[in-house]
Amino acid sequence: VQLVESGGGLVQAGDSLRLSCAASGRAFSDYGMGWFRQAPGKEREFVAAISWSGGSTWYADSVKGRFTISRDNAKNTVFLQMNSLKPEDTAVYYCAAEGFHSFSSTGSEDARAYMHWGQGTQVTVSS
């Protein structure tokens, strides 16, 4: 699976951004997807995840109510709509594809549940 993120940029606090992640190389509707982020000097952290069908979603407490994950299986793309952005949301954002049925065994918030990762897209929120 190849994953390519886009949509990052520099915005002000309170603004919105929509990240996209285009997938190729494997039947997109076969696996769940997730977004993680890594700020300078910090470990990579879970942001949001969505099941293969889109019927289930999970969010980190820090983004709940502000971010929305969605997917379009016809376009092999997963999205992360980010509203009310804060300076602490500044990070490189990575999308990731679930390993074989890993959500059920490992949990969608665990990076070990993901087999493939994109190269990341920078999001910078100024105050």
C-alpha atoms as a PDB file:
ATOM      1  CA  VAL A   1       0.000   0.000   0.000  1.00  0.00           C
ATOM      2  CA  GLN A   2       1.268   3.443  -0.912  1.00  0.00           C
ATOM      3  CA  LEU A   3      -0.082   6.428   0.993  1.00  0.00           C
ATOM      4  CA  VAL A   4       0.317  10.065   0.008  1.00  0.00           C
ATOM      5  CA  GLU A   5      -0.862  12.853   2.289  1.00  0.00           C
ATOM      6  CA  SER A   6      -1.703  16.371   1.202  1.00  0.00           C
ATOM      7  CA  GLY A   7      -3.439  19.460   2.508  1.00  0.00           C
ATOM      8  CA  GLY A   8      -1.064  20.613   5.204  1.00  0.00           C
ATOM      9  CA  GLY A   9       0.021  24.204   5.579  1.00  0.00           C
ATOM     10  CA  LEU A  10       0.397  27.251   7.776  1.00  0.00           C
ATOM     11  CA  VAL A  11      -2.764  28.620   9.349  1.00  0.00           C
ATOM     12  CA  GLN A  12      -3.781  30.789  12.256  1.00  0.00           C
ATOM     13  CA  ALA A  13      -5.385  29.599  15.455  1.00  0.00           C
ATOM     14  CA  GLY A  14      -9.092  29.039  14.936  1.00  0.00           C
ATOM     15  CA  ASP A  15      -8.731  28.242  11.243  1.00  0.00           C
ATOM     16  CA  SER A  16      -9.543  24.968   9.508  1.00  0.00           C
ATOM     17  CA  LEU A  17      -7.624  22.578   7.304  1.00  0.00           C
ATOM     18  CA  ARG A  18      -8.580  19.413   5.485  1.00  0.00           C
ATOM     19  CA  LEU A  19      -5.964  16.733   5.076  1.00  0.00           C
ATOM     20  CA  SER A  20      -6.271  14.051   2.436  1.00  0.00           C
ATOM     21  CA  CYS A  21      -4.529  10.712   2.103  1.00  0.00           C
ATOM     22  CA  ALA A  22      -4.661   8.876  -1.208  1.00  0.00           C
ATOM     23  CA  ALA A  23      -4.053   5.134  -1.098  1.00  0.00           C
ATOM     24  CA  SER A  24      -3.024   2.708  -3.797  1.00  0.00           C
ATOM     25  CA  GLY A  25      -1.796  -0.845  -4.129  1.00  0.00           C
ATOM     26  CA  ARG A  26      -4.449  -2.760  -2.181  1.00  0.00           C
ATOM     27  CA  ALA A  27      -8.236  -2.837  -2.090  1.00  0.00           C
ATOM     28  CA  PHE A  28      -8.903   0.310  -0.070  1.00  0.00           C
ATOM     29  CA  SER A  29     -12.154  -0.893   1.442  1.00  0.00           C
ATOM     30  CA  ASP A  30     -10.379  -3.912   2.957  1.00  0.00           C
ATOM     31  CA  TYR A  31      -8.711  -2.027   5.772  1.00  0.00           C
ATOM     32  CA  GLY A  32      -9.106   0.679   8.368  1.00  0.00           C
ATOM     33  CA  MET A  33      -7.203   3.931   8.253  1.00  0.00           C
ATOM     34  CA  GLY A  34      -5.749   6.220  10.842  1.00  0.00           C
ATOM     35  CA  TRP A  35      -4.111   9.590  11.347  1.00  0.00           C
ATOM     36  CA  PHE A  36      -1.222  10.163  13.696  1.00  0.00           C
ATOM     37  CA  ARG A  37       0.892  13.238  14.359  1.00  0.00           C
ATOM     38  CA  GLN A  38       4.324  14.025  15.676  1.00  0.00           C
ATOM     39  CA  ALA A  39       5.373  17.375  17.064  1.00  0.00           C
ATOM     40  CA  PRO A  40       9.035  18.384  17.395  1.00  0.00           C
ATOM     41  CA  GLY A  41      10.639  16.646  20.331  1.00  0.00           C
ATOM     42  CA  LYS A  42       7.578  14.516  21.010  1.00  0.00           C
ATOM     43  CA  GLU A  43       6.547  10.977  20.256  1.00  0.00           C
ATOM     44  CA  ARG A  44       4.113  10.142  17.506  1.00  0.00           C
ATOM     45  CA  GLU A  45       0.553  10.178  18.837  1.00  0.00           C
ATOM     46  CA  PHE A  46      -2.784   8.882  17.688  1.00  0.00           C
ATOM     47  CA  VAL A  47      -5.250  11.412  16.280  1.00  0.00           C
ATOM     48  CA  ALA A  48      -8.145   9.544  14.684  1.00  0.00           C
ATOM     49  CA  ALA A  49      -9.074   6.298  12.977  1.00  0.00           C
ATOM     50  CA  ILE A  50     -11.873   4.932  10.845  1.00  0.00           C
ATOM     51  CA  SER A  51     -12.968   1.392  10.109  1.00  0.00           C
ATOM     52  CA  TRP A  52     -12.909  -0.116   6.617  1.00  0.00           C
ATOM     53  CA  SER A  53     -16.586   0.690   6.073  1.00  0.00           C
ATOM     54  CA  GLY A  54     -16.518   4.087   7.711  1.00  0.00           C
ATOM     55  CA  GLY A  55     -19.060   2.875  10.208  1.00  0.00           C
ATOM     56  CA  SER A  56     -16.789   3.275  13.220  1.00  0.00           C
ATOM     57  CA  THR A  57     -14.522   6.147  14.134  1.00  0.00           C
ATOM     58  CA  TRP A  58     -12.196   6.813  17.039  1.00  0.00           C
ATOM     59  CA  TYR A  59     -10.594  10.049  18.228  1.00  0.00           C
ATOM     60  CA  ALA A  60      -7.978  11.204  20.660  1.00  0.00           C
ATOM     61  CA  ASP A  61      -9.488  13.240  23.476  1.00  0.00           C
ATOM     62  CA  SER A  62      -7.408  16.237  22.430  1.00  0.00           C
ATOM     63  CA  VAL A  63      -9.147  16.492  19.053  1.00  0.00           C
ATOM     64  CA  LYS A  64     -12.610  15.164  19.824  1.00  0.00           C
ATOM     65  CA  GLY A  65     -15.257  17.626  18.717  1.00  0.00           C
ATOM     66  CA  ARG A  66     -12.823  19.549  16.497  1.00  0.00           C
ATOM     67  CA  PHE A  67     -11.523  16.933  14.033  1.00  0.00           C
ATOM     68  CA  THR A  68     -13.515  14.608  11.825  1.00  0.00           C
ATOM     69  CA  ILE A  69     -12.169  11.594   9.982  1.00  0.00           C
ATOM     70  CA  SER A  70     -13.979  10.283   6.918  1.00  0.00           C
ATOM     71  CA  ARG A  71     -13.285   8.156   3.887  1.00  0.00           C
ATOM     72  CA  ASP A  72     -14.397   7.813   0.299  1.00  0.00           C
ATOM     73  CA  ASN A  73     -13.830   4.221  -0.725  1.00  0.00           C
ATOM     74  CA  ALA A  74     -14.705   4.996  -4.344  1.00  0.00           C
ATOM     75  CA  LYS A  75     -11.789   7.446  -4.455  1.00  0.00           C
ATOM     76  CA  ASN A  76      -9.409   5.461  -2.240  1.00  0.00           C
ATOM     77  CA  THR A  77      -9.017   8.482   0.008  1.00  0.00           C
ATOM     78  CA  VAL A  78      -9.278   9.219   3.697  1.00  0.00           C
ATOM     79  CA  PHE A  79      -9.765  12.732   5.029  1.00  0.00           C
ATOM     80  CA  LEU A  80      -9.128  14.575   8.255  1.00  0.00           C
ATOM     81  CA  GLN A  81     -11.178  17.727   8.647  1.00  0.00           C
ATOM     82  CA  MET A  82      -9.554  19.884  11.299  1.00  0.00           C
ATOM     83  CA  ASN A  83     -11.520  22.796  12.730  1.00  0.00           C
ATOM     84  CA  SER A  84     -10.762  25.282  15.497  1.00  0.00           C
ATOM     85  CA  LEU A  85      -7.079  24.596  15.149  1.00  0.00           C
ATOM     86  CA  LYS A  86      -4.788  25.404  18.062  1.00  0.00           C
ATOM     87  CA  PRO A  87      -1.040  26.034  18.177  1.00  0.00           C
ATOM     88  CA  GLU A  88      -0.665  22.709  19.986  1.00  0.00           C
ATOM     89  CA  ASP A  89      -1.993  20.962  16.876  1.00  0.00           C
ATOM     90  CA  THR A  90       1.240  21.887  15.108  1.00  0.00           C
ATOM     91  CA  ALA A  91       2.897  18.670  13.950  1.00  0.00           C
ATOM     92  CA  VAL A  92       3.667  16.453  11.014  1.00  0.00           C
ATOM     93  CA  TYR A  93       0.532  14.473  10.276  1.00  0.00           C
ATOM     94  CA  TYR A  94       0.785  10.922   8.990  1.00  0.00           C
ATOM     95  CA  CYS A  95      -1.876   8.670   7.593  1.00  0.00           C
ATOM     96  CA  ALA A  96      -1.576   4.939   8.086  1.00  0.00           C
ATOM     97  CA  ALA A  97      -3.240   1.778   6.825  1.00  0.00           C
ATOM     98  CA  GLU A  98      -4.348  -0.997   9.155  1.00  0.00           C
ATOM     99  CA  GLY A  99      -2.598  -4.316   9.104  1.00  0.00           C
ATOM    100  CA  PHE A 100      -4.673  -7.456   8.621  1.00  0.00           C
ATOM    101  CA  HIS A 101      -7.633  -7.121  11.022  1.00  0.00           C
ATOM    102  CA  SER A 102      -5.328  -5.350  13.472  1.00  0.00           C
ATOM    103  CA  PHE A 103      -7.920  -2.983  14.877  1.00  0.00           C
ATOM    104  CA  SER A 104      -9.737  -5.810  16.586  1.00  0.00           C
ATOM    105  CA  SER A 105      -6.618  -7.393  18.051  1.00  0.00           C
ATOM    106  CA  THR A 106      -4.433  -4.372  18.773  1.00  0.00           C
ATOM    107  CA  GLY A 107      -6.742  -1.384  18.838  1.00  0.00           C
ATOM    108  CA  SER A 108      -7.039   1.492  16.411  1.00  0.00           C
ATOM    109  CA  GLU A 109      -5.143   3.882  18.682  1.00  0.00           C
ATOM    110  CA  ASP A 110      -2.031   1.724  18.750  1.00  0.00           C
ATOM    111  CA  ALA A 111       0.554   2.456  16.058  1.00  0.00           C
ATOM    112  CA  ARG A 112       1.362  -1.258  15.986  1.00  0.00           C
ATOM    113  CA  ALA A 113      -2.037  -1.858  14.378  1.00  0.00           C
ATOM    114  CA  TYR A 114      -0.847  -0.158  11.200  1.00  0.00           C
ATOM    115  CA  MET A 115       1.253  -1.725   8.505  1.00  0.00           C
ATOM    116  CA  HIS A 116       1.766   1.124   6.058  1.00  0.00           C
ATOM    117  CA  TRP A 117       2.557   4.790   6.596  1.00  0.00           C
ATOM    118  CA  GLY A 118       2.628   7.893   4.453  1.00  0.00           C
ATOM    119  CA  GLN A 119       5.475  10.379   4.334  1.00  0.00           C
ATOM    120  CA  GLY A 120       3.637  13.004   6.371  1.00  0.00           C
ATOM    121  CA  THR A 121       2.386  16.529   5.807  1.00  0.00           C
ATOM    122  CA  GLN A 122       3.281  19.522   7.957  1.00  0.00           C
ATOM    123  CA  VAL A 123       0.570  21.436   9.776  1.00  0.00           C
ATOM    124  CA  THR A 124       1.614  24.641  11.502  1.00  0.00           C
ATOM    125  CA  VAL A 125      -0.820  26.687  13.557  1.00  0.00           C
ATOM    126  CA  SER A 126       0.292  30.146  14.591  1.00  0.00           C
ATOM    127  CA  SER A 127      -1.152  31.939  17.601  1.00  0.00           C
END
